[in-house]
Amino acid sequence: MSELWEKIKAARLSAELTQEELAEKCGVSRATVNQWEAKDPSKRINPRKQNLQKISEVTGAPLGWLKSKEAAIDDRWFDENEDWNSANIEERIIRERQEALTIVKKSLKELYTMAMEEKLNNDEMELIVALTRTLKRK
């Protein structure tokens, strides 16, 4: 059985969000998110119902799972995220996001070069246009 604070933290980390980002998306302060995730019960507060709903929407974690007293975090998640309770977890999320952004930028440069050198066929060009339109709608 997992406690609510553990589920909130696991949901946030699975969504690759920092406490600051979850706070912004939920309309609360980073300190509030920190209190939701506090390991020390004397420093912990539970989110209001509307905030729990927001956490579910933002992270993709099922609301029923967050609310359930019996539901636990899958042991495989703990195995894959050994540093989940480390002070360095926020830094890891930011570092991984920056690494991914670097790869995306490099890929976009390569794609631009391919387009300028007219090395893309019609299907590839249509795929790029469709992807761009989809991403602009987000």
C-alpha atoms as a PDB file:
ATOM      1  CA  MET A   1       0.000   0.000   0.000  1.00  0.00           C
ATOM      2  CA  SER A   2       1.290   3.447  -0.906  1.00  0.00           C
ATOM      3  CA  GLU A   3       0.452   6.710   0.796  1.00  0.00           C
ATOM      4  CA  LEU A   4      -1.024   9.658  -1.075  1.00  0.00           C
ATOM      5  CA  TRP A   5       2.192  11.718  -0.847  1.00  0.00           C
ATOM      6  CA  GLU A   6       4.112   8.871  -2.509  1.00  0.00           C
ATOM      7  CA  LYS A   7       1.522   8.547  -5.275  1.00  0.00           C
ATOM      8  CA  ILE A   8       1.560  12.290  -5.984  1.00  0.00           C
ATOM      9  CA  LYS A   9       5.336  12.278  -6.207  1.00  0.00           C
ATOM     10  CA  ALA A  10       5.389   9.126  -8.362  1.00  0.00           C
ATOM     11  CA  ALA A  11       2.730  10.597 -10.674  1.00  0.00           C
ATOM     12  CA  ARG A  12       4.665  13.861 -11.002  1.00  0.00           C
ATOM     13  CA  LEU A  13       7.949  12.107 -11.697  1.00  0.00           C
ATOM     14  CA  SER A  14       6.326   9.740 -14.200  1.00  0.00           C
ATOM     15  CA  ALA A  15       4.995  12.818 -16.008  1.00  0.00           C
ATOM     16  CA  GLU A  16       8.556  14.208 -15.885  1.00  0.00           C
ATOM     17  CA  LEU A  17       7.482  17.353 -14.073  1.00  0.00           C
ATOM     18  CA  THR A  18       9.375  19.329 -11.462  1.00  0.00           C
ATOM     19  CA  GLN A  19       7.566  20.485  -8.352  1.00  0.00           C
ATOM     20  CA  GLU A  20       7.593  24.003  -9.802  1.00  0.00           C
ATOM     21  CA  GLU A  21       5.914  22.813 -13.026  1.00  0.00           C
ATOM     22  CA  LEU A  22       3.234  20.814 -11.219  1.00  0.00           C
ATOM     23  CA  ALA A  23       2.576  23.799  -8.968  1.00  0.00           C
ATOM     24  CA  GLU A  24       2.150  26.091 -11.968  1.00  0.00           C
ATOM     25  CA  LYS A  25      -0.214  23.683 -13.725  1.00  0.00           C
ATOM     26  CA  CYS A  26      -2.278  23.230 -10.543  1.00  0.00           C
ATOM     27  CA  GLY A  27      -2.354  26.929  -9.680  1.00  0.00           C
ATOM     28  CA  VAL A  28      -0.552  26.525  -6.358  1.00  0.00           C
ATOM     29  CA  SER A  29       2.900  27.389  -5.025  1.00  0.00           C
ATOM     30  CA  ARG A  30       5.920  25.108  -5.180  1.00  0.00           C
ATOM     31  CA  ALA A  31       5.859  25.066  -1.375  1.00  0.00           C
ATOM     32  CA  THR A  32       2.357  23.579  -1.493  1.00  0.00           C
ATOM     33  CA  VAL A  33       3.475  20.772  -3.807  1.00  0.00           C
ATOM     34  CA  ASN A  34       6.437  20.210  -1.498  1.00  0.00           C
ATOM     35  CA  GLN A  35       3.993  19.834   1.415  1.00  0.00           C
ATOM     36  CA  TRP A  36       1.843  17.371  -0.581  1.00  0.00           C
ATOM     37  CA  GLU A  37       4.964  15.255  -1.136  1.00  0.00           C
ATOM     38  CA  ALA A  38       6.533  15.639   2.310  1.00  0.00           C
ATOM     39  CA  LYS A  39       7.790  12.367   3.740  1.00  0.00           C
ATOM     40  CA  ASP A  40       7.554  13.803   7.275  1.00  0.00           C
ATOM     41  CA  PRO A  41       3.867  13.646   8.319  1.00  0.00           C
ATOM     42  CA  SER A  42       4.260  16.751  10.497  1.00  0.00           C
ATOM     43  CA  LYS A  43       5.146  18.779   7.374  1.00  0.00           C
ATOM     44  CA  ARG A  44       2.635  17.136   5.048  1.00  0.00           C
ATOM     45  CA  ILE A  45      -0.742  18.418   3.886  1.00  0.00           C
ATOM     46  CA  ASN A  46      -3.247  16.680   1.627  1.00  0.00           C
ATOM     47  CA  PRO A  47      -4.414  18.439  -1.524  1.00  0.00           C
ATOM     48  CA  ARG A  48      -7.991  19.671  -1.760  1.00  0.00           C
ATOM     49  CA  LYS A  49     -10.350  17.661  -3.976  1.00  0.00           C
ATOM     50  CA  GLN A  50     -10.033  20.076  -6.905  1.00  0.00           C
ATOM     51  CA  ASN A  51      -6.232  19.976  -6.632  1.00  0.00           C
ATOM     52  CA  LEU A  52      -6.230  16.179  -6.559  1.00  0.00           C
ATOM     53  CA  GLN A  53      -8.349  16.263  -9.728  1.00  0.00           C
ATOM     54  CA  LYS A  54      -5.838  18.697 -11.282  1.00  0.00           C
ATOM     55  CA  ILE A  55      -2.922  16.433 -10.310  1.00  0.00           C
ATOM     56  CA  SER A  56      -4.704  13.565 -12.042  1.00  0.00           C
ATOM     57  CA  GLU A  57      -5.343  15.617 -15.196  1.00  0.00           C
ATOM     58  CA  VAL A  58      -1.826  17.064 -15.359  1.00  0.00           C
ATOM     59  CA  THR A  59       0.082  13.844 -14.653  1.00  0.00           C
ATOM     60  CA  GLY A  60      -2.252  11.331 -16.275  1.00  0.00           C
ATOM     61  CA  ALA A  61      -2.509   9.355 -13.031  1.00  0.00           C
ATOM     62  CA  PRO A  62      -6.013   7.926 -12.566  1.00  0.00           C
ATOM     63  CA  LEU A  63      -7.948   9.855  -9.937  1.00  0.00           C
ATOM     64  CA  GLY A  64      -9.262   6.612  -8.453  1.00  0.00           C
ATOM     65  CA  TRP A  65      -5.705   5.348  -7.992  1.00  0.00           C
ATOM     66  CA  LEU A  66      -4.659   8.568  -6.264  1.00  0.00           C
ATOM     67  CA  LYS A  67      -7.676   8.423  -3.926  1.00  0.00           C
ATOM     68  CA  SER A  68      -7.513   4.701  -3.192  1.00  0.00           C
ATOM     69  CA  LYS A  69      -6.219   3.668   0.210  1.00  0.00           C
ATOM     70  CA  GLU A  70      -5.501   0.133  -1.072  1.00  0.00           C
ATOM     71  CA  ALA A  71      -3.809   0.898  -4.401  1.00  0.00           C
ATOM     72  CA  ALA A  72      -0.027   0.813  -4.405  1.00  0.00           C
ATOM     73  CA  ILE A  73       2.724   2.022  -6.669  1.00  0.00           C
ATOM     74  CA  ASP A  74       3.961  -0.806  -8.877  1.00  0.00           C
ATOM     75  CA  ASP A  75       7.283  -2.203  -7.600  1.00  0.00           C
ATOM     76  CA  ARG A  76       8.687  -2.004 -11.138  1.00  0.00           C
ATOM     77  CA  TRP A  77       8.321   1.789 -10.979  1.00  0.00           C
ATOM     78  CA  PHE A  78      10.500   1.881  -7.858  1.00  0.00           C
ATOM     79  CA  ASP A  79      13.081  -0.321  -9.601  1.00  0.00           C
ATOM     80  CA  GLU A  80      13.158   1.994 -12.614  1.00  0.00           C
ATOM     81  CA  ASN A  81      13.289   5.148 -10.461  1.00  0.00           C
ATOM     82  CA  GLU A  82      15.696   4.287  -7.682  1.00  0.00           C
ATOM     83  CA  ASP A  83      16.432   7.969  -7.059  1.00  0.00           C
ATOM     84  CA  TRP A  84      12.754   8.913  -6.689  1.00  0.00           C
ATOM     85  CA  ASN A  85      13.254  10.055  -3.112  1.00  0.00           C
ATOM     86  CA  SER A  86      16.596  11.737  -3.739  1.00  0.00           C
ATOM     87  CA  ALA A  87      17.170  15.466  -3.460  1.00  0.00           C
ATOM     88  CA  ASN A  88      18.714  15.292  -6.944  1.00  0.00           C
ATOM     89  CA  ILE A  89      15.542  14.116  -8.694  1.00  0.00           C
ATOM     90  CA  GLU A  90      14.528  17.635  -9.777  1.00  0.00           C
ATOM     91  CA  GLU A  91      17.977  18.148 -11.285  1.00  0.00           C
ATOM     92  CA  ARG A  92      17.698  14.822 -13.126  1.00  0.00           C
ATOM     93  CA  ILE A  93      14.351  15.804 -14.655  1.00  0.00           C
ATOM     94  CA  ILE A  94      15.721  19.159 -15.815  1.00  0.00           C
ATOM     95  CA  ARG A  95      18.948  17.576 -17.150  1.00  0.00           C
ATOM     96  CA  GLU A  96      17.053  14.865 -19.066  1.00  0.00           C
ATOM     97  CA  ARG A  97      14.695  17.467 -20.544  1.00  0.00           C
ATOM     98  CA  GLN A  98      17.661  19.598 -21.668  1.00  0.00           C
ATOM     99  CA  GLU A  99      19.319  16.547 -23.227  1.00  0.00           C
ATOM    100  CA  ALA A 100      16.105  15.697 -25.074  1.00  0.00           C
ATOM    101  CA  LEU A 101      15.783  19.297 -26.266  1.00  0.00           C
ATOM    102  CA  THR A 102      19.333  19.196 -27.628  1.00  0.00           C
ATOM    103  CA  ILE A 103      18.491  16.052 -29.591  1.00  0.00           C
ATOM    104  CA  VAL A 104      15.290  17.627 -30.921  1.00  0.00           C
ATOM    105  CA  LYS A 105      17.146  20.761 -32.044  1.00  0.00           C
ATOM    106  CA  LYS A 106      19.759  18.658 -33.830  1.00  0.00           C
ATOM    107  CA  SER A 107      17.046  16.606 -35.528  1.00  0.00           C
ATOM    108  CA  LEU A 108      15.225  19.751 -36.649  1.00  0.00           C
ATOM    109  CA  LYS A 109      18.436  21.128 -38.169  1.00  0.00           C
ATOM    110  CA  GLU A 110      18.939  17.858 -40.060  1.00  0.00           C
ATOM    111  CA  LEU A 111      15.330  17.915 -41.216  1.00  0.00           C
ATOM    112  CA  TYR A 112      15.679  21.525 -42.363  1.00  0.00           C
ATOM    113  CA  THR A 113      18.793  20.620 -44.348  1.00  0.00           C
ATOM    114  CA  MET A 114      16.979  17.685 -45.967  1.00  0.00           C
ATOM    115  CA  ALA A 115      14.090  19.961 -46.937  1.00  0.00           C
ATOM    116  CA  MET A 116      16.346  22.669 -48.338  1.00  0.00           C
ATOM    117  CA  GLU A 117      18.269  20.090 -50.365  1.00  0.00           C
ATOM    118  CA  GLU A 118      14.923  18.648 -51.566  1.00  0.00           C
ATOM    119  CA  LYS A 119      15.696  15.183 -50.210  1.00  0.00           C
ATOM    120  CA  LEU A 120      12.179  14.534 -48.878  1.00  0.00           C
ATOM    121  CA  ASN A 121       9.504  12.680 -50.806  1.00  0.00           C
ATOM    122  CA  ASN A 122       5.817  13.687 -50.818  1.00  0.00           C
ATOM    123  CA  ASP A 123       4.828  11.271 -48.036  1.00  0.00           C
ATOM    124  CA  GLU A 124       7.596  12.572 -45.788  1.00  0.00           C
ATOM    125  CA  MET A 125       6.648  16.180 -46.460  1.00  0.00           C
ATOM    126  CA  GLU A 126       2.969  15.449 -45.706  1.00  0.00           C
ATOM    127  CA  LEU A 127       3.993  13.734 -42.481  1.00  0.00           C
ATOM    128  CA  ILE A 128       6.025  16.761 -41.397  1.00  0.00           C
ATOM    129  CA  VAL A 129       3.166  19.136 -42.197  1.00  0.00           C
ATOM    130  CA  ALA A 130       0.666  16.959 -40.290  1.00  0.00           C
ATOM    131  CA  LEU A 131       2.972  16.714 -37.270  1.00  0.00           C
ATOM    132  CA  THR A 132       3.541  20.480 -37.272  1.00  0.00           C
ATOM    133  CA  ARG A 133      -0.199  21.191 -37.399  1.00  0.00           C
ATOM    134  CA  THR A 134      -0.872  18.722 -34.589  1.00  0.00           C
ATOM    135  CA  LEU A 135       1.811  20.245 -32.365  1.00  0.00           C
ATOM    136  CA  LYS A 136       0.581  23.798 -33.026  1.00  0.00           C
ATOM    137  CA  ARG A 137      -2.881  22.820 -31.709  1.00  0.00           C
ATOM    138  CA  LYS A 138      -1.510  21.734 -28.322  1.00  0.00           C
END
